Amino acid sequence: MKIVKWIFIIAITVISLFPFYVMLMMSTYYSENIFKGLPLIPSDYLIDNLRTVFKTDFLRVYANSLTVSIASVVLGVLTSTLIGYAVAKFHFKLKHALNYFIIITMMVPAQVGLIGYIIEMRHMGFGNTLMPVILTWSAWSFGAFFMVQFIRDTVPGEILECARIDGASEPRIFLNIALPLIKPGIATLSTLVFLWSWNSYLLPLVTINNAKSFTLPVFISTLGIVHRTDYGARMAALAMATLPVLIVFLIGSRTFIKGITAGAVKG
């Protein structure tokens, strides 16, 4: 039985990693040769593809994506955690209405409010900057919903009440008592925000027209020369763009699973 389980795990792993392997192989080919067959062995065009990538503003764009993802993690996790803590552990008027509002906004497709969001950002003077891509995480309904459920199930109200009786202030209760208990949830949310902001394509595409402010997904989609799309160079750029995602996921995978399961189990 154990052998069957390991065979199944290895098979799923190979299937999952196969597209990434093909992408690496494609990055070693001349663009037109990619379509002659499924590239399963490396070719000799990798250096030329890398030269094509680094002749552009790839490093600047890479820095843009890192800036967006790190700022999005800080902003998205901070607002979601504070909203989750307030809704889960405080009693105030319209608390249930706020909770329902968070759930309802999760059901609305993001594309519905995209035009209004673009107009709002332009009126605020943030057109053609990275700010619209970052500020969208300040009102992240899924993050707020996730933290409400996580904090409600992992932070005992009795501990908070004991701290209040002992004279602890609310900021101190949050920082010294609640925050250590919800670290798995914060790590899970940080991983999700980083992955989703790093891979975001639609919002940067419609809010940024200045090539100097492009993020990686938009930049890679435009990589090439006039009348020719250089797929080999695109694959090389994609391979380098995938590295931070793999590193973040490998570092946070154990905490990610722990955070997901902790938020789903009461008691």
Protein backbone atom coordinates (compact mmCIF):
# COMPACT_ATOMS: atom_id res chain seq x y z
CA MET A 1 0.00 0.00 0.00
CA LYS A 2 2.84 2.38 0.82
CA ILE A 3 4.49 1.65 -2.54
CA VAL A 4 1.26 2.51 -4.38
CA LYS A 5 1.00 5.76 -2.42
CA TRP A 6 4.55 6.79 -3.31
CA ILE A 7 4.05 5.87 -6.97
CA PHE A 8 0.92 8.04 -7.00
CA ILE A 9 2.74 10.97 -5.33
CA ILE A 10 5.68 10.72 -7.76
CA ALA A 11 3.32 10.55 -10.75
CA ILE A 12 1.40 13.66 -9.60
CA THR A 13 4.71 15.48 -8.98
CA VAL A 14 6.01 14.65 -12.46
CA ILE A 15 2.75 15.76 -14.09
CA SER A 16 2.78 19.01 -12.10
CA LEU A 17 6.41 19.84 -12.91
CA PHE A 18 6.29 18.81 -16.57
CA PRO A 19 5.01 22.20 -17.87
CA PHE A 20 7.77 23.97 -15.95
CA TYR A 21 10.34 21.60 -17.45
CA VAL A 22 9.00 22.24 -20.96
CA MET A 23 9.21 25.98 -20.32
CA LEU A 24 12.88 25.64 -19.36
CA MET A 25 13.58 23.59 -22.48
CA MET A 26 11.76 26.09 -24.70
CA SER A 27 13.96 28.88 -23.30
CA THR A 28 16.98 27.18 -24.92
CA TYR A 29 15.49 27.16 -28.44
CA TYR A 30 15.38 29.62 -31.31
CA SER A 31 11.82 30.93 -31.49
CA GLU A 32 10.86 29.31 -34.83
CA ASN A 33 12.33 25.93 -33.79
CA ILE A 34 10.02 25.65 -30.78
CA PHE A 35 7.07 24.71 -32.99
CA LYS A 36 8.84 21.85 -34.81
CA GLY A 37 8.02 19.46 -31.99
CA LEU A 38 7.69 19.15 -28.24
CA PRO A 39 11.05 20.36 -26.87
CA LEU A 40 12.13 17.75 -24.33
CA ILE A 41 15.90 18.12 -24.64
CA PRO A 42 17.89 21.37 -24.34
CA SER A 43 19.11 23.25 -27.39
CA ASP A 44 22.00 25.71 -27.78
CA TYR A 45 20.18 29.05 -28.02
CA LEU A 46 19.83 29.88 -24.31
CA ILE A 47 22.62 32.50 -24.21
CA ASP A 48 21.15 34.35 -27.19
CA ASN A 49 17.69 34.35 -25.59
CA LEU A 50 19.15 35.71 -22.34
CA ARG A 51 20.97 38.43 -24.28
CA THR A 52 17.68 39.40 -25.91
CA VAL A 53 16.01 39.62 -22.50
CA PHE A 54 18.75 41.65 -20.82
CA LYS A 55 19.01 44.10 -23.73
CA THR A 56 15.62 45.37 -22.58
CA ASP A 57 14.58 46.94 -19.26
CA PHE A 58 14.13 43.49 -17.71
CA LEU A 59 15.93 44.33 -14.47
CA ARG A 60 13.88 47.52 -14.01
CA VAL A 61 10.67 45.57 -14.64
CA TYR A 62 11.81 42.84 -12.24
CA ALA A 63 12.34 45.50 -9.57
CA ASN A 64 8.86 46.91 -10.33
CA SER A 65 7.27 43.50 -9.75
CA LEU A 66 9.21 42.99 -6.52
CA THR A 67 8.15 46.44 -5.31
CA VAL A 68 4.50 45.77 -6.17
CA SER A 69 4.43 42.33 -4.55
CA ILE A 70 6.20 43.32 -1.33
CA ALA A 71 4.10 46.48 -0.91
CA SER A 72 0.93 44.51 -1.69
CA VAL A 73 1.81 41.92 0.97
CA VAL A 74 2.37 44.61 3.61
CA LEU A 75 -0.78 46.56 2.74
CA GLY A 76 -3.08 43.62 2.06
CA VAL A 77 -2.11 41.59 5.12
CA LEU A 78 -2.19 44.64 7.42
CA THR A 79 -5.69 45.77 6.42
CA SER A 80 -7.08 42.22 6.30
CA THR A 81 -5.68 41.37 9.73
CA LEU A 82 -7.01 44.52 11.37
CA ILE A 83 -10.46 44.09 9.78
CA GLY A 84 -10.52 40.40 10.71
CA TYR A 85 -9.55 41.10 14.31
CA ALA A 86 -12.14 43.86 14.68
CA VAL A 87 -15.01 41.85 13.19
CA ALA A 88 -14.09 38.60 14.95
CA LYS A 89 -13.40 39.87 18.46
CA PHE A 90 -15.25 43.17 18.97
CA HIS A 91 -18.96 43.89 19.35
CA PHE A 92 -20.25 47.02 17.65
CA LYS A 93 -23.26 48.21 15.69
CA LEU A 94 -23.60 46.94 12.13
CA LYS A 95 -21.01 44.23 12.81
CA HIS A 96 -23.11 41.57 11.11
CA ALA A 97 -23.91 43.94 8.25
CA LEU A 98 -20.18 44.52 7.71
CA ASN A 99 -19.55 40.78 7.73
CA TYR A 100 -22.28 40.22 5.14
CA PHE A 101 -20.92 43.11 3.07
CA ILE A 102 -17.49 41.43 2.97
CA ILE A 103 -19.08 38.18 1.80
CA ILE A 104 -21.21 39.91 -0.84
CA THR A 105 -18.23 41.78 -2.30
CA MET A 106 -16.44 38.45 -2.70
CA MET A 107 -19.25 37.37 -5.05
CA VAL A 108 -18.84 40.40 -7.32
CA PRO A 109 -16.32 39.86 -10.16
CA ALA A 110 -13.37 42.23 -9.93
CA GLN A 111 -13.84 43.24 -13.57
CA VAL A 112 -17.19 44.87 -12.72
CA GLY A 113 -15.58 47.74 -10.82
CA LEU A 114 -12.44 47.97 -12.95
CA ILE A 115 -13.48 51.02 -14.99
CA GLY A 116 -14.56 52.96 -11.90
CA TYR A 117 -11.31 52.02 -10.14
CA ILE A 118 -9.23 53.27 -13.09
CA ILE A 119 -11.11 56.59 -13.16
CA GLU A 120 -10.67 56.96 -9.39
CA MET A 121 -6.92 56.33 -9.60
CA ARG A 122 -6.53 58.89 -12.40
CA HIS A 123 -8.42 61.54 -10.42
CA MET A 124 -6.08 60.85 -7.48
CA GLY A 125 -3.06 61.41 -9.74
CA PHE A 126 -1.90 57.78 -9.76
CA GLY A 127 -2.23 57.18 -13.50
CA ASN A 128 0.68 55.32 -15.12
CA THR A 129 2.23 54.49 -11.76
CA LEU A 130 2.48 51.34 -9.66
CA MET A 131 0.08 52.70 -7.04
CA PRO A 132 -3.17 51.39 -8.60
CA VAL A 133 -1.71 47.87 -8.68
CA ILE A 134 -0.73 48.13 -5.00
CA LEU A 135 -3.73 50.00 -3.56
CA THR A 136 -6.20 47.42 -4.86
CA TRP A 137 -5.07 45.15 -1.99
CA SER A 138 -6.16 47.70 0.63
CA ALA A 139 -9.78 46.54 0.14
CA TRP A 140 -9.28 42.81 -0.36
CA SER A 141 -12.54 41.11 0.60
CA PHE A 142 -11.18 37.55 0.55
CA GLY A 143 -8.31 38.50 2.87
CA ALA A 144 -10.72 40.13 5.32
CA PHE A 145 -13.06 37.13 5.20
CA PHE A 146 -10.19 34.68 5.69
CA MET A 147 -8.82 36.54 8.71
CA VAL A 148 -12.27 36.90 10.28
CA GLN A 149 -12.71 33.13 10.19
CA PHE A 150 -9.12 32.41 11.22
CA ILE A 151 -9.04 34.80 14.18
CA ARG A 152 -12.52 33.74 15.33
CA ASP A 153 -11.39 30.11 15.53
CA THR A 154 -7.81 30.48 16.78
CA VAL A 155 -7.88 33.38 19.27
CA PRO A 156 -9.85 32.50 22.44
CA GLY A 157 -11.98 35.40 23.65
CA GLU A 158 -11.32 34.42 27.29
CA ILE A 159 -7.61 35.23 26.95
CA LEU A 160 -8.42 38.68 25.59
CA GLU A 161 -10.87 39.34 28.43
CA CYS A 162 -8.30 38.29 31.03
CA ALA A 163 -5.79 40.69 29.51
CA ARG A 164 -8.34 43.53 29.63
CA ILE A 165 -9.08 42.78 33.29
CA ASP A 166 -5.35 42.95 34.02
CA GLY A 167 -5.31 46.45 32.52
CA ALA A 168 -3.63 45.74 29.17
CA SER A 169 -4.40 48.23 26.39
CA GLU A 170 -6.02 47.09 23.16
CA PRO A 171 -2.88 47.64 21.02
CA ARG A 172 -0.83 45.64 23.51
CA ILE A 173 -3.42 42.84 23.55
CA PHE A 174 -3.34 42.68 19.78
CA LEU A 175 0.45 42.79 19.46
CA ASN A 176 1.42 40.55 22.39
CA ILE A 177 -1.46 38.07 22.54
CA ALA A 178 -3.44 37.90 19.32
CA LEU A 179 -0.62 38.41 16.81
CA PRO A 180 1.52 35.42 17.93
CA LEU A 181 -1.54 33.16 17.71
CA ILE A 182 -2.42 34.17 14.14
CA LYS A 183 1.07 33.98 12.61
CA PRO A 184 0.14 30.92 10.48
CA GLY A 185 -2.82 32.84 9.06
CA ILE A 186 -0.64 35.86 8.31
CA ALA A 187 1.97 33.66 6.62
CA THR A 188 -0.74 31.99 4.52
CA LEU A 189 -2.22 35.33 3.49
CA SER A 190 1.23 36.74 2.71
CA THR A 191 1.98 33.82 0.42
CA LEU A 192 -1.32 34.23 -1.43
CA VAL A 193 -0.93 38.00 -1.87
CA PHE A 194 2.64 37.65 -3.14
CA LEU A 195 1.71 34.95 -5.67
CA TRP A 196 -1.40 36.73 -6.94
CA SER A 197 0.15 40.19 -7.14
CA TRP A 198 3.28 38.81 -8.84
CA ASN A 199 1.17 37.06 -11.50
CA SER A 200 -1.41 39.85 -11.92
CA TYR A 201 -1.83 40.77 -15.58
CA LEU A 202 -5.17 42.50 -16.24
CA LEU A 203 -4.88 45.36 -13.73
CA PRO A 204 -1.33 46.44 -14.70
CA LEU A 205 -2.31 46.10 -18.36
CA VAL A 206 -5.20 48.58 -18.15
CA THR A 207 -3.72 51.00 -15.58
CA ILE A 208 -0.10 51.33 -16.78
CA ASN A 209 0.77 52.68 -20.23
CA ASN A 210 4.33 53.71 -19.40
CA ALA A 211 6.84 50.96 -20.26
CA LYS A 212 9.10 52.04 -17.37
CA SER A 213 6.37 51.07 -14.89
CA PHE A 214 5.49 47.70 -16.45
CA THR A 215 5.36 44.60 -14.28
CA LEU A 216 6.69 41.24 -15.46
CA PRO A 217 3.48 39.72 -16.91
CA VAL A 218 2.83 42.80 -19.07
CA PHE A 219 6.48 43.15 -20.03
CA ILE A 220 6.84 39.51 -21.08
CA SER A 221 3.71 39.72 -23.24
CA THR A 222 5.35 42.54 -25.23
CA LEU A 223 8.82 40.98 -25.47
CA GLY A 224 10.00 40.74 -29.08
CA ILE A 225 10.72 42.91 -32.06
CA VAL A 226 8.54 44.43 -34.77
CA HIS A 227 6.68 41.81 -36.85
CA ARG A 228 8.19 38.95 -34.81
CA THR A 229 7.31 37.47 -31.45
CA ASP A 230 10.37 35.97 -29.76
CA TYR A 231 8.91 33.01 -27.87
CA GLY A 232 12.33 31.68 -26.89
CA ALA A 233 13.20 34.95 -25.13
CA ARG A 234 9.75 35.01 -23.54
CA MET A 235 10.29 31.53 -22.12
CA ALA A 236 13.68 32.59 -20.74
CA ALA A 237 12.11 35.63 -19.10
CA LEU A 238 9.25 33.50 -17.73
CA ALA A 239 11.72 31.04 -16.23
CA MET A 240 13.48 33.85 -14.37
CA ALA A 241 10.14 35.37 -13.35
CA THR A 242 9.04 32.05 -11.87
CA LEU A 243 11.99 31.81 -9.46
CA PRO A 244 10.65 34.19 -6.74
CA VAL A 245 7.29 32.41 -6.84
CA LEU A 246 8.95 29.02 -6.32
CA ILE A 247 11.15 30.36 -3.53
CA VAL A 248 8.21 31.96 -1.69
CA PHE A 249 6.07 28.86 -2.06
CA LEU A 250 8.84 26.48 -0.94
CA ILE A 251 9.61 28.63 2.10
CA GLY A 252 5.97 29.13 3.07
CA SER A 253 4.46 25.82 1.96
CA ARG A 254 4.47 24.19 5.39
CA THR A 255 3.13 27.31 7.10
CA PHE A 256 0.65 27.75 4.24
CA ILE A 257 -0.86 24.29 4.81
CA LYS A 258 -0.85 24.81 8.58
CA GLY A 259 -2.64 28.14 8.20
CA ILE A 260 -5.28 26.71 5.90
CA THR A 261 -6.03 23.76 8.18
CA ALA A 262 -5.95 25.86 11.37
CA GLY A 263 -8.47 28.27 9.94
CA ALA A 264 -10.76 25.43 8.93
CA VAL A 265 -10.88 23.59 12.27
CA LYS A 266 -12.60 24.97 15.34
CA GLY A 267 -11.51 24.46 18.89
